[in-house]
Amino acid sequence: MIKPTLSAATWGIAAVAAAALLVGCSGSVHVGSSDPKLSKVKLADLVATKLASTTGQAKPDISCPEDLAGKVGTTTRCTLTASDGSTLGVTIKVSSVDGDNINFDFEADQTPTPAQN
């Protein structure tokens, strides 16, 4: 009988996704502006740091396409890329804004997209 096997990177993505779904991750940041906005680079770093601390694994490679506006309900989609090239979408949604503090929740997709050959 042939048993399917998953690469270490795929297992890593699965663990990150499971942890993100089970923990109900969130974060917040103080941005110091009258129109709060979180840069896409800072957002990606915050999400990667939170996922790493939640899973006990190294910080994943996450990229976000745009800055996150500090308005409740605003969403963006970031991408987690594994070392084998497979990807996992991460949805980020602003849950509250308190002055300059942007609070957000994020959730990873359940199924990774395989690497393109």
PDB file of N, CA and C in Angstrom:
ATOM      1  N   MET A   1       0.843  -1.172   0.000  1.00  0.00           N
ATOM      2  CA  MET A   1       0.000   0.000   0.000  1.00  0.00           C
ATOM      3  C   MET A   1       0.893   1.242   0.000  1.00  0.00           C
ATOM      4  N   ILE A   2       0.573   2.213  -0.836  1.00  0.00           N
ATOM      5  CA  ILE A   2       1.343   3.452  -0.922  1.00  0.00           C
ATOM      6  C   ILE A   2       0.732   4.469   0.028  1.00  0.00           C
ATOM      7  N   LYS A   3       1.593   5.052   0.836  1.00  0.00           N
ATOM      8  CA  LYS A   3       1.139   6.067   1.783  1.00  0.00           C
ATOM      9  C   LYS A   3       1.613   7.430   1.305  1.00  0.00           C
ATOM     10  N   PRO A   4       0.692   8.395   1.214  1.00  0.00           N
ATOM     11  CA  PRO A   4       1.142   9.726   0.838  1.00  0.00           C
ATOM     12  C   PRO A   4       1.968  10.342   1.955  1.00  0.00           C
ATOM     13  N   THR A   5       2.992  11.081   1.575  1.00  0.00           N
ATOM     14  CA  THR A   5       3.808  11.759   2.579  1.00  0.00           C
ATOM     15  C   THR A   5       3.810  13.252   2.296  1.00  0.00           C
ATOM     16  N   LEU A   6       3.977  14.022   3.328  1.00  0.00           N
ATOM     17  CA  LEU A   6       4.033  15.466   3.205  1.00  0.00           C
ATOM     18  C   LEU A   6       5.436  15.941   3.527  1.00  0.00           C
ATOM     19  N   SER A   7       5.888  16.945   2.804  1.00  0.00           N
ATOM     20  CA  SER A   7       7.211  17.499   3.080  1.00  0.00           C
ATOM     21  C   SER A   7       7.202  18.193   4.435  1.00  0.00           C
ATOM     22  N   ALA A   8       8.375  18.437   4.969  1.00  0.00           N
ATOM     23  CA  ALA A   8       8.486  19.135   6.259  1.00  0.00           C
ATOM     24  C   ALA A   8       7.853  20.516   6.174  1.00  0.00           C
ATOM     25  N   ALA A   9       8.017  21.183   5.035  1.00  0.00           N
ATOM     26  CA  ALA A   9       7.432  22.522   4.880  1.00  0.00           C
ATOM     27  C   ALA A   9       5.912  22.454   4.900  1.00  0.00           C
ATOM     28  N   THR A  10       5.354  21.439   4.239  1.00  0.00           N
ATOM     29  CA  THR A  10       3.896  21.291   4.240  1.00  0.00           C
ATOM     30  C   THR A  10       3.398  21.009   5.639  1.00  0.00           C
ATOM     31  N   TRP A  11       4.111  20.178   6.384  1.00  0.00           N
ATOM     32  CA  TRP A  11       3.735  19.929   7.778  1.00  0.00           C
ATOM     33  C   TRP A  11       3.806  21.216   8.579  1.00  0.00           C
ATOM     34  N   GLY A  12       4.835  22.028   8.295  1.00  0.00           N
ATOM     35  CA  GLY A  12       4.977  23.303   8.991  1.00  0.00           C
ATOM     36  C   GLY A  12       3.803  24.220   8.715  1.00  0.00           C
ATOM     37  N   ILE A  13       3.398  24.292   7.444  1.00  0.00           N
ATOM     38  CA  ILE A  13       2.246  25.127   7.090  1.00  0.00           C
ATOM     39  C   ILE A  13       0.994  24.594   7.763  1.00  0.00           C
ATOM     40  N   ALA A  14       0.831  23.286   7.762  1.00  0.00           N
ATOM     41  CA  ALA A  14      -0.353  22.703   8.397  1.00  0.00           C
ATOM     42  C   ALA A  14      -0.375  23.019   9.893  1.00  0.00           C
ATOM     43  N   ALA A  15       0.773  22.953  10.531  1.00  0.00           N
ATOM     44  CA  ALA A  15       0.843  23.259  11.966  1.00  0.00           C
ATOM     45  C   ALA A  15       0.526  24.722  12.224  1.00  0.00           C
ATOM     46  N   VAL A  16       1.056  25.602  11.375  1.00  0.00           N
ATOM     47  CA  VAL A  16       0.776  27.031  11.536  1.00  0.00           C
ATOM     48  C   VAL A  16      -0.704  27.296  11.329  1.00  0.00           C
ATOM     49  N   ALA A  17      -1.278  26.691  10.303  1.00  0.00           N
ATOM     50  CA  ALA A  17      -2.705  26.897  10.033  1.00  0.00           C
ATOM     51  C   ALA A  17      -3.550  26.380  11.187  1.00  0.00           C
ATOM     52  N   ALA A  18      -3.232  25.195  11.661  1.00  0.00           N
ATOM     53  CA  ALA A  18      -3.999  24.634  12.772  1.00  0.00           C
ATOM     54  C   ALA A  18      -3.882  25.504  14.011  1.00  0.00           C
ATOM     55  N   ALA A  19      -2.693  25.957  14.296  1.00  0.00           N
ATOM     56  CA  ALA A  19      -2.500  26.799  15.484  1.00  0.00           C
ATOM     57  C   ALA A  19      -3.250  28.112  15.338  1.00  0.00           C
ATOM     58  N   ALA A  20      -3.184  28.698  14.157  1.00  0.00           N
ATOM     59  CA  ALA A  20      -3.869  29.972  13.951  1.00  0.00           C
ATOM     60  C   ALA A  20      -5.375  29.815  14.083  1.00  0.00           C
ATOM     61  N   LEU A  21      -5.887  28.691  13.606  1.00  0.00           N
ATOM     62  CA  LEU A  21      -7.327  28.469  13.693  1.00  0.00           C
ATOM     63  C   LEU A  21      -7.757  28.159  15.116  1.00  0.00           C
ATOM     64  N   LEU A  22      -6.966  27.398  15.822  1.00  0.00           N
ATOM     65  CA  LEU A  22      -7.336  27.005  17.173  1.00  0.00           C
ATOM     66  C   LEU A  22      -7.182  28.125  18.190  1.00  0.00           C
ATOM     67  N   VAL A  23      -6.172  28.954  18.000  1.00  0.00           N
ATOM     68  CA  VAL A  23      -5.880  29.988  18.976  1.00  0.00           C
ATOM     69  C   VAL A  23      -6.752  31.220  18.780  1.00  0.00           C
ATOM     70  N   GLY A  24      -7.231  31.471  17.566  1.00  0.00           N
ATOM     71  CA  GLY A  24      -7.985  32.691  17.310  1.00  0.00           C
ATOM     72  C   GLY A  24      -7.086  33.891  17.498  1.00  0.00           C
ATOM     73  N   CYS A  25      -6.016  33.928  16.756  1.00  0.00           N
ATOM     74  CA  CYS A  25      -4.959  34.916  16.943  1.00  0.00           C
ATOM     75  C   CYS A  25      -5.437  36.340  16.727  1.00  0.00           C
ATOM     76  N   SER A  26      -4.797  37.218  17.459  1.00  0.00           N
ATOM     77  CA  SER A  26      -5.064  38.638  17.294  1.00  0.00           C
ATOM     78  C   SER A  26      -3.800  39.401  17.642  1.00  0.00           C
ATOM     79  N   GLY A  27      -3.788  40.656  17.295  1.00  0.00           N
ATOM     80  CA  GLY A  27      -2.650  41.500  17.612  1.00  0.00           C
ATOM     81  C   GLY A  27      -3.108  42.935  17.696  1.00  0.00           C
ATOM     82  N   SER A  28      -2.236  43.764  18.158  1.00  0.00           N
ATOM     83  CA  SER A  28      -2.532  45.197  18.187  1.00  0.00           C
ATOM     84  C   SER A  28      -1.237  45.964  18.035  1.00  0.00           C
ATOM     85  N   VAL A  29      -1.371  47.206  17.629  1.00  0.00           N
ATOM     86  CA  VAL A  29      -0.197  48.037  17.434  1.00  0.00           C
ATOM     87  C   VAL A  29      -0.578  49.493  17.663  1.00  0.00           C
ATOM     88  N   HIS A  30       0.356  50.241  18.209  1.00  0.00           N
ATOM     89  CA  HIS A  30       0.188  51.685  18.396  1.00  0.00           C
ATOM     90  C   HIS A  30       0.918  52.355  17.241  1.00  0.00           C
ATOM     91  N   VAL A  31       0.198  53.134  16.431  1.00  0.00           N
ATOM     92  CA  VAL A  31       0.814  53.695  15.240  1.00  0.00           C
ATOM     93  C   VAL A  31       1.110  55.185  15.310  1.00  0.00           C
ATOM     94  N   GLY A  32       0.571  55.907  16.280  1.00  0.00           N
ATOM     95  CA  GLY A  32       0.903  57.316  16.470  1.00  0.00           C
ATOM     96  C   GLY A  32       0.538  58.225  15.312  1.00  0.00           C
ATOM     97  N   SER A  33      -0.699  58.178  14.859  1.00  0.00           N
ATOM     98  CA  SER A  33      -1.135  58.998  13.741  1.00  0.00           C
ATOM     99  C   SER A  33      -2.597  59.366  13.929  1.00  0.00           C
ATOM    100  N   SER A  34      -3.011  60.510  13.351  1.00  0.00           N
ATOM    101  CA  SER A  34      -4.417  60.888  13.442  1.00  0.00           C
ATOM    102  C   SER A  34      -5.272  59.990  12.552  1.00  0.00           C
ATOM    103  N   ASP A  35      -4.681  59.419  11.520  1.00  0.00           N
ATOM    104  CA  ASP A  35      -5.358  58.474  10.640  1.00  0.00           C
ATOM    105  C   ASP A  35      -4.579  57.165  10.724  1.00  0.00           C
ATOM    106  N   PRO A  36      -4.877  56.343  11.750  1.00  0.00           N
ATOM    107  CA  PRO A  36      -4.029  55.171  11.977  1.00  0.00           C
ATOM    108  C   PRO A  36      -3.957  54.238  10.775  1.00  0.00           C
ATOM    109  N   LYS A  37      -2.759  53.794  10.509  1.00  0.00           N
ATOM    110  CA  LYS A  37      -2.500  52.872   9.411  1.00  0.00           C
ATOM    111  C   LYS A  37      -1.268  52.063   9.789  1.00  0.00           C
ATOM    112  N   LEU A  38      -1.295  50.784   9.489  1.00  0.00           N
ATOM    113  CA  LEU A  38      -0.180  49.896   9.786  1.00  0.00           C
ATOM    114  C   LEU A  38       0.461  49.497   8.467  1.00  0.00           C
ATOM    115  N   SER A  39       1.754  49.740   8.326  1.00  0.00           N
ATOM    116  CA  SER A  39       2.429  49.421   7.061  1.00  0.00           C
ATOM    117  C   SER A  39       2.368  47.921   6.787  1.00  0.00           C
ATOM    118  N   LYS A  40       2.389  47.581   5.513  1.00  0.00           N
ATOM    119  CA  LYS A  40       2.313  46.171   5.120  1.00  0.00           C
ATOM    120  C   LYS A  40       3.510  45.379   5.644  1.00  0.00           C
ATOM    121  N   VAL A  41       4.665  46.015   5.738  1.00  0.00           N
ATOM    122  CA  VAL A  41       5.866  45.341   6.241  1.00  0.00           C
ATOM    123  C   VAL A  41       5.720  45.048   7.742  1.00  0.00           C
ATOM    124  N   LYS A  42       5.272  46.042   8.499  1.00  0.00           N
ATOM    125  CA  LYS A  42       5.076  45.874   9.944  1.00  0.00           C
ATOM    126  C   LYS A  42       3.973  44.847  10.213  1.00  0.00           C
ATOM    127  N   LEU A  43       2.895  44.898   9.436  1.00  0.00           N
ATOM    128  CA  LEU A  43       1.800  43.944   9.585  1.00  0.00           C
ATOM    129  C   LEU A  43       2.297  42.511   9.377  1.00  0.00           C
ATOM    130  N   ALA A  44       3.044  42.293   8.302  1.00  0.00           N
ATOM    131  CA  ALA A  44       3.584  40.955   8.015  1.00  0.00           C
ATOM    132  C   ALA A  44       4.481  40.484   9.151  1.00  0.00           C
ATOM    133  N   ASP A  45       5.311  41.383   9.672  1.00  0.00           N
ATOM    134  CA  ASP A  45       6.208  41.023  10.772  1.00  0.00           C
ATOM    135  C   ASP A  45       5.430  40.676  12.045  1.00  0.00           C
ATOM    136  N   LEU A  46       4.402  41.456  12.359  1.00  0.00           N
ATOM    137  CA  LEU A  46       3.597  41.183  13.557  1.00  0.00           C
ATOM    138  C   LEU A  46       2.897  39.833  13.463  1.00  0.00           C
ATOM    139  N   VAL A  47       2.315  39.540  12.301  1.00  0.00           N
ATOM    140  CA  VAL A  47       1.616  38.264  12.112  1.00  0.00           C
ATOM    141  C   VAL A  47       2.608  37.108  12.186  1.00  0.00           C
ATOM    142  N   ALA A  48       3.765  37.241  11.536  1.00  0.00           N
ATOM    143  CA  ALA A  48       4.788  36.191  11.568  1.00  0.00           C
ATOM    144  C   ALA A  48       5.273  35.942  12.995  1.00  0.00           C
ATOM    145  N   THR A  49       5.494  37.019  13.736  1.00  0.00           N
ATOM    146  CA  THR A  49       5.952  36.890  15.125  1.00  0.00           C
ATOM    147  C   THR A  49       4.904  36.180  15.977  1.00  0.00           C
ATOM    148  N   LYS A  50       3.636  36.550  15.814  1.00  0.00           N
ATOM    149  CA  LYS A  50       2.559  35.932  16.585  1.00  0.00           C
ATOM    150  C   LYS A  50       2.427  34.445  16.231  1.00  0.00           C
ATOM    151  N   LEU A  51       2.501  34.120  14.949  1.00  0.00           N
ATOM    152  CA  LEU A  51       2.414  32.708  14.544  1.00  0.00           C
ATOM    153  C   LEU A  51       3.590  31.912  15.093  1.00  0.00           C
ATOM    154  N   ALA A  52       4.782  32.480  15.055  1.00  0.00           N
ATOM    155  CA  ALA A  52       5.966  31.784  15.579  1.00  0.00           C
ATOM    156  C   ALA A  52       5.818  31.521  17.069  1.00  0.00           C
ATOM    157  N   SER A  53       5.343  32.512  17.816  1.00  0.00           N
ATOM    158  CA  SER A  53       5.199  32.313  19.261  1.00  0.00           C
ATOM    159  C   SER A  53       4.078  31.329  19.585  1.00  0.00           C
ATOM    160  N   THR A  54       3.064  31.286  18.748  1.00  0.00           N
ATOM    161  CA  THR A  54       1.944  30.372  18.962  1.00  0.00           C
ATOM    162  C   THR A  54       2.331  28.926  18.658  1.00  0.00           C
ATOM    163  N   THR A  55       3.127  28.720  17.593  1.00  0.00           N
ATOM    164  CA  THR A  55       3.456  27.362  17.159  1.00  0.00           C
ATOM    165  C   THR A  55       4.773  26.849  17.715  1.00  0.00           C
ATOM    166  N   GLY A  56       5.625  27.756  18.220  1.00  0.00           N
ATOM    167  CA  GLY A  56       6.936  27.335  18.697  1.00  0.00           C
ATOM    168  C   GLY A  56       7.902  27.061  17.562  1.00  0.00           C
ATOM    169  N   GLN A  57       7.557  27.493  16.354  1.00  0.00           N
ATOM    170  CA  GLN A  57       8.417  27.296  15.191  1.00  0.00           C
ATOM    171  C   GLN A  57       9.067  28.624  14.806  1.00  0.00           C
ATOM    172  N   ALA A  58       9.981  28.570  13.846  1.00  0.00           N
ATOM    173  CA  ALA A  58      10.626  29.784  13.353  1.00  0.00           C
ATOM    174  C   ALA A  58       9.590  30.699  12.703  1.00  0.00           C
ATOM    175  N   LYS A  59       9.912  32.006  12.651  1.00  0.00           N
ATOM    176  CA  LYS A  59       8.999  32.956  12.006  1.00  0.00           C
ATOM    177  C   LYS A  59       8.804  32.569  10.543  1.00  0.00           C
ATOM    178  N   PRO A  60       7.549  32.445  10.121  1.00  0.00           N
ATOM    179  CA  PRO A  60       7.307  32.125   8.713  1.00  0.00           C
ATOM    180  C   PRO A  60       7.504  33.342   7.825  1.00  0.00           C
ATOM    181  N   ASP A  61       7.671  33.095   6.529  1.00  0.00           N
ATOM    182  CA  ASP A  61       7.808  34.163   5.540  1.00  0.00           C
ATOM    183  C   ASP A  61       6.397  34.616   5.160  1.00  0.00           C
ATOM    184  N   ILE A  62       6.035  35.824   5.572  1.00  0.00           N
ATOM    185  CA  ILE A  62       4.707  36.361   5.285  1.00  0.00           C
ATOM    186  C   ILE A  62       4.864  37.677   4.544  1.00  0.00           C
ATOM    187  N   SER A  63       4.037  37.869   3.527  1.00  0.00           N
ATOM    188  CA  SER A  63       4.011  39.145   2.809  1.00  0.00           C
ATOM    189  C   SER A  63       2.568  39.624   2.712  1.00  0.00           C
ATOM    190  N   CYS A  64       2.404  40.932   2.814  1.00  0.00           N
ATOM    191  CA  CYS A  64       1.082  41.553   2.735  1.00  0.00           C
ATOM    192  C   CYS A  64       1.093  42.541   1.579  1.00  0.00           C
ATOM    193  N   PRO A  65       0.006  42.615   0.803  1.00  0.00           N
ATOM    194  CA  PRO A  65      -0.006  43.446  -0.397  1.00  0.00           C
ATOM    195  C   PRO A  65      -0.250  44.934  -0.158  1.00  0.00           C
ATOM    196  N   GLU A  66      -0.737  45.284   1.050  1.00  0.00           N
ATOM    197  CA  GLU A  66      -1.108  46.676   1.291  1.00  0.00           C
ATOM    198  C   GLU A  66      -1.043  47.005   2.773  1.00  0.00           C
ATOM    199  N   ASP A  67      -0.996  48.295   3.071  1.00  0.00           N
ATOM    200  CA  ASP A  67      -1.063  48.746   4.450  1.00  0.00           C
ATOM    201  C   ASP A  67      -2.453  48.430   5.005  1.00  0.00           C
ATOM    202  N   LEU A  68      -2.553  48.318   6.318  1.00  0.00           N
ATOM    203  CA  LEU A  68      -3.835  48.044   6.970  1.00  0.00           C
ATOM    204  C   LEU A  68      -4.366  49.342   7.568  1.00  0.00           C
ATOM    205  N   ALA A  69      -5.494  49.816   7.046  1.00  0.00           N
ATOM    206  CA  ALA A  69      -6.116  51.039   7.550  1.00  0.00           C
ATOM    207  C   ALA A  69      -6.789  50.748   8.885  1.00  0.00           C
ATOM    208  N   GLY A  70      -6.666  51.686   9.811  1.00  0.00           N
ATOM    209  CA  GLY A  70      -7.240  51.534  11.143  1.00  0.00           C
ATOM    210  C   GLY A  70      -8.716  51.869  11.174  1.00  0.00           C
ATOM    211  N   LYS A  71      -9.506  51.068  10.503  1.00  0.00           N
ATOM    212  CA  LYS A  71     -10.956  51.239  10.477  1.00  0.00           C
ATOM    213  C   LYS A  71     -11.585  49.880  10.747  1.00  0.00           C
ATOM    214  N   VAL A  72     -12.444  49.798  11.742  1.00  0.00           N
ATOM    215  CA  VAL A  72     -13.071  48.526  12.118  1.00  0.00           C
ATOM    216  C   VAL A  72     -13.716  47.885  10.891  1.00  0.00           C
ATOM    217  N   GLY A  73     -13.436  46.594  10.719  1.00  0.00           N
ATOM    218  CA  GLY A  73     -13.992  45.840   9.604  1.00  0.00           C
ATOM    219  C   GLY A  73     -13.086  45.769   8.393  1.00  0.00           C
ATOM    220  N   THR A  74     -12.050  46.612   8.332  1.00  0.00           N
ATOM    221  CA  THR A  74     -11.117  46.577   7.205  1.00  0.00           C
ATOM    222  C   THR A  74     -10.412  45.227   7.185  1.00  0.00           C
ATOM    223  N   THR A  75     -10.298  44.628   6.003  1.00  0.00           N
ATOM    224  CA  THR A  75      -9.613  43.342   5.877  1.00  0.00           C
ATOM    225  C   THR A  75      -8.529  43.435   4.809  1.00  0.00           C
ATOM    226  N   THR A  76      -7.579  42.525   4.915  1.00  0.00           N
ATOM    227  CA  THR A  76      -6.565  42.347   3.883  1.00  0.00           C
ATOM    228  C   THR A  76      -6.167  40.876   3.896  1.00  0.00           C
ATOM    229  N   ARG A  77      -5.570  40.437   2.806  1.00  0.00           N
ATOM    230  CA  ARG A  77      -5.106  39.056   2.695  1.00  0.00           C
ATOM    231  C   ARG A  77      -3.601  39.059   2.543  1.00  0.00           C
ATOM    232  N   CYS A  78      -2.933  38.350   3.425  1.00  0.00           N
ATOM    233  CA  CYS A  78      -1.489  38.184   3.343  1.00  0.00           C
ATOM    234  C   CYS A  78      -1.199  36.755   2.909  1.00  0.00           C
ATOM    235  N   THR A  79       0.047  36.490   2.575  1.00  0.00           N
ATOM    236  CA  THR A  79       0.438  35.166   2.100  1.00  0.00           C
ATOM    237  C   THR A  79       1.618  34.643   2.891  1.00  0.00           C
ATOM    238  N   LEU A  80       1.487  33.440   3.407  1.00  0.00           N
ATOM    239  CA  LEU A  80       2.577  32.726   4.072  1.00  0.00           C
ATOM    240  C   LEU A  80       3.180  31.804   3.020  1.00  0.00           C
ATOM    241  N   THR A  81       4.490  31.907   2.806  1.00  0.00           N
ATOM    242  CA  THR A  81       5.172  31.062   1.825  1.00  0.00           C
ATOM    243  C   THR A  81       6.139  30.134   2.541  1.00  0.00           C
ATOM    244  N   ALA A  82       5.980  28.835   2.316  1.00  0.00           N
ATOM    245  CA  ALA A  82       6.851  27.820   2.920  1.00  0.00           C
ATOM    246  C   ALA A  82       8.122  27.668   2.099  1.00  0.00           C
ATOM    247  N   SER A  83       9.110  27.008   2.679  1.00  0.00           N
ATOM    248  CA  SER A  83      10.398  26.833   1.999  1.00  0.00           C
ATOM    249  C   SER A  83      10.277  26.009   0.714  1.00  0.00           C
ATOM    250  N   ASP A  84       9.228  25.180   0.590  1.00  0.00           N
ATOM    251  CA  ASP A  84       9.039  24.401  -0.638  1.00  0.00           C
ATOM    252  C   ASP A  84       8.240  25.167  -1.690  1.00  0.00           C
ATOM    253  N   GLY A  85       7.871  26.416  -1.394  1.00  0.00           N
ATOM    254  CA  GLY A  85       7.146  27.245  -2.356  1.00  0.00           C
ATOM    255  C   GLY A  85       5.636  27.185  -2.222  1.00  0.00           C
ATOM    256  N   SER A  86       5.125  26.277  -1.403  1.00  0.00           N
ATOM    257  CA  SER A  86       3.680  26.238  -1.199  1.00  0.00           C
ATOM    258  C   SER A  86       3.262  27.461  -0.384  1.00  0.00           C
ATOM    259  N   THR A  87       2.014  27.867  -0.534  1.00  0.00           N
ATOM    260  CA  THR A  87       1.546  29.081   0.121  1.00  0.00           C
ATOM    261  C   THR A  87       0.261  28.823   0.900  1.00  0.00           C
ATOM    262  N   LEU A  88       0.008  29.724   1.827  1.00  0.00           N
ATOM    263  CA  LEU A  88      -1.190  29.652   2.649  1.00  0.00           C
ATOM    264  C   LEU A  88      -1.683  31.077   2.832  1.00  0.00           C
ATOM    265  N   GLY A  89      -2.945  31.313   2.542  1.00  0.00           N
ATOM    266  CA  GLY A  89      -3.518  32.643   2.708  1.00  0.00           C
ATOM    267  C   GLY A  89      -3.809  32.921   4.176  1.00  0.00           C
ATOM    268  N   VAL A  90      -3.662  34.175   4.570  1.00  0.00           N
ATOM    269  CA  VAL A  90      -3.957  34.611   5.930  1.00  0.00           C
ATOM    270  C   VAL A  90      -4.852  35.847   5.819  1.00  0.00           C
ATOM    271  N   THR A  91      -6.056  35.769   6.388  1.00  0.00           N
ATOM    272  CA  THR A  91      -6.980  36.891   6.369  1.00  0.00           C
ATOM    273  C   THR A  91      -6.832  37.681   7.656  1.00  0.00           C
ATOM    274  N   ILE A  92      -6.693  38.991   7.515  1.00  0.00           N
ATOM    275  CA  ILE A  92      -6.525  39.888   8.661  1.00  0.00           C
ATOM    276  C   ILE A  92      -7.685  40.868   8.657  1.00  0.00           C
ATOM    277  N   LYS A  93      -8.293  41.056   9.839  1.00  0.00           N
ATOM    278  CA  LYS A  93      -9.448  41.951   9.947  1.00  0.00           C
ATOM    279  C   LYS A  93      -9.303  42.835  11.182  1.00  0.00           C
ATOM    280  N   VAL A  94      -9.482  44.142  10.985  1.00  0.00           N
ATOM    281  CA  VAL A  94      -9.419  45.085  12.100  1.00  0.00           C
ATOM    282  C   VAL A  94     -10.639  44.854  12.984  1.00  0.00           C
ATOM    283  N   SER A  95     -10.378  44.554  14.269  1.00  0.00           N
ATOM    284  CA  SER A  95     -11.472  44.273  15.210  1.00  0.00           C
ATOM    285  C   SER A  95     -11.865  45.504  16.012  1.00  0.00           C
ATOM    286  N   SER A  96     -10.914  46.384  16.281  1.00  0.00           N
ATOM    287  CA  SER A  96     -11.225  47.619  16.989  1.00  0.00           C
ATOM    288  C   SER A  96     -10.081  48.607  16.813  1.00  0.00           C
ATOM    289  N   VAL A  97     -10.401  49.853  17.018  1.00  0.00           N
ATOM    290  CA  VAL A  97      -9.399  50.921  16.971  1.00  0.00           C
ATOM    291  C   VAL A  97      -9.638  51.781  18.196  1.00  0.00           C
ATOM    292  N   ASP A  98      -8.591  51.966  18.974  1.00  0.00           N
ATOM    293  CA  ASP A  98      -8.673  52.779  20.186  1.00  0.00           C
ATOM    294  C   ASP A  98      -7.617  53.868  20.082  1.00  0.00           C
ATOM    295  N   GLY A  99      -8.022  55.035  19.599  1.00  0.00           N
ATOM    296  CA  GLY A  99      -7.047  56.101  19.370  1.00  0.00           C
ATOM    297  C   GLY A  99      -6.095  55.701  18.269  1.00  0.00           C
ATOM    298  N   ASP A 100      -4.812  55.565  18.613  1.00  0.00           N
ATOM    299  CA  ASP A 100      -3.801  55.158  17.640  1.00  0.00           C
ATOM    300  C   ASP A 100      -3.559  53.652  17.627  1.00  0.00           C
ATOM    301  N   ASN A 101      -4.261  52.914  18.471  1.00  0.00           N
ATOM    302  CA  ASN A 101      -4.057  51.466  18.555  1.00  0.00           C
ATOM    303  C   ASN A 101      -4.996  50.734  17.613  1.00  0.00           C
ATOM    304  N   ILE A 102      -4.422  49.938  16.720  1.00  0.00           N
ATOM    305  CA  ILE A 102      -5.200  49.107  15.807  1.00  0.00           C
ATOM    306  C   ILE A 102      -5.152  47.683  16.331  1.00  0.00           C
ATOM    307  N   ASN A 103      -6.307  47.125  16.640  1.00  0.00           N
ATOM    308  CA  ASN A 103      -6.409  45.739  17.084  1.00  0.00           C
ATOM    309  C   ASN A 103      -6.958  44.920  15.920  1.00  0.00           C
ATOM    310  N   PHE A 104      -6.348  43.771  15.683  1.00  0.00           N
ATOM    311  CA  PHE A 104      -6.793  42.955  14.558  1.00  0.00           C
ATOM    312  C   PHE A 104      -6.752  41.480  14.917  1.00  0.00           C
ATOM    313  N   ASP A 105      -7.568  40.712  14.199  1.00  0.00           N
ATOM    314  CA  ASP A 105      -7.594  39.261  14.309  1.00  0.00           C
ATOM    315  C   ASP A 105      -7.105  38.712  12.972  1.00  0.00           C
ATOM    316  N   PHE A 106      -6.543  37.513  12.992  1.00  0.00           N
ATOM    317  CA  PHE A 106      -6.168  36.885  11.735  1.00  0.00           C
ATOM    318  C   PHE A 106      -6.415  35.396  11.789  1.00  0.00           C
ATOM    319  N   GLU A 107      -6.659  34.841  10.610  1.00  0.00           N
ATOM    320  CA  GLU A 107      -6.954  33.422  10.488  1.00  0.00           C
ATOM    321  C   GLU A 107      -6.320  32.894   9.211  1.00  0.00           C
ATOM    322  N   ALA A 108      -5.626  31.783   9.330  1.00  0.00           N
ATOM    323  CA  ALA A 108      -4.999  31.157   8.169  1.00  0.00           C
ATOM    324  C   ALA A 108      -5.996  30.245   7.474  1.00  0.00           C
ATOM    325  N   ASP A 109      -5.871  30.151   6.153  1.00  0.00           N
ATOM    326  CA  ASP A 109      -6.698  29.220   5.389  1.00  0.00           C
ATOM    327  C   ASP A 109      -6.433  27.800   5.874  1.00  0.00           C
ATOM    328  N   GLN A 110      -7.369  26.931   5.626  1.00  0.00           N
ATOM    329  CA  GLN A 110      -7.215  25.544   6.064  1.00  0.00           C
ATOM    330  C   GLN A 110      -6.369  24.714   5.104  1.00  0.00           C
ATOM    331  N   THR A 111      -6.335  25.099   3.842  1.00  0.00           N
ATOM    332  CA  THR A 111      -5.646  24.297   2.839  1.00  0.00           C
ATOM    333  C   THR A 111      -4.570  25.112   2.122  1.00  0.00           C
ATOM    334  N   PRO A 112      -3.312  24.629   2.127  1.00  0.00           N
ATOM    335  CA  PRO A 112      -2.253  25.342   1.401  1.00  0.00           C
ATOM    336  C   PRO A 112      -2.382  25.145  -0.102  1.00  0.00           C
ATOM    337  N   THR A 113      -1.808  26.074  -0.840  1.00  0.00           N
ATOM    338  CA  THR A 113      -1.723  25.967  -2.296  1.00  0.00           C
ATOM    339  C   THR A 113      -0.352  25.389  -2.619  1.00  0.00           C
ATOM    340  N   PRO A 114      -0.303  24.264  -3.362  1.00  0.00           N
ATOM    341  CA  PRO A 114       1.006  23.667  -3.681  1.00  0.00           C
ATOM    342  C   PRO A 114       1.876  24.623  -4.491  1.00  0.00           C
ATOM    343  N   ALA A 115       3.180  24.418  -4.401  1.00  0.00           N
ATOM    344  CA  ALA A 115       4.123  25.211  -5.176  1.00  0.00           C
ATOM    345  C   ALA A 115       3.918  24.955  -6.669  1.00  0.00           C
ATOM    346  N   GLN A 116       4.095  26.004  -7.456  1.00  0.00           N
ATOM    347  CA  GLN A 116       3.998  25.837  -8.901  1.00  0.00           C
ATOM    348  C   GLN A 116       5.327  25.348  -9.416  1.00  0.00           C
ATOM    349  N   ASN A 117       5.281  24.381 -10.317  1.00  0.00           N
ATOM    350  CA  ASN A 117       6.525  23.817 -10.867  1.00  0.00           C
ATOM    351  C   ASN A 117       6.985  24.552 -12.052  1.00  0.00           C
TER     352      ASN A 117
END
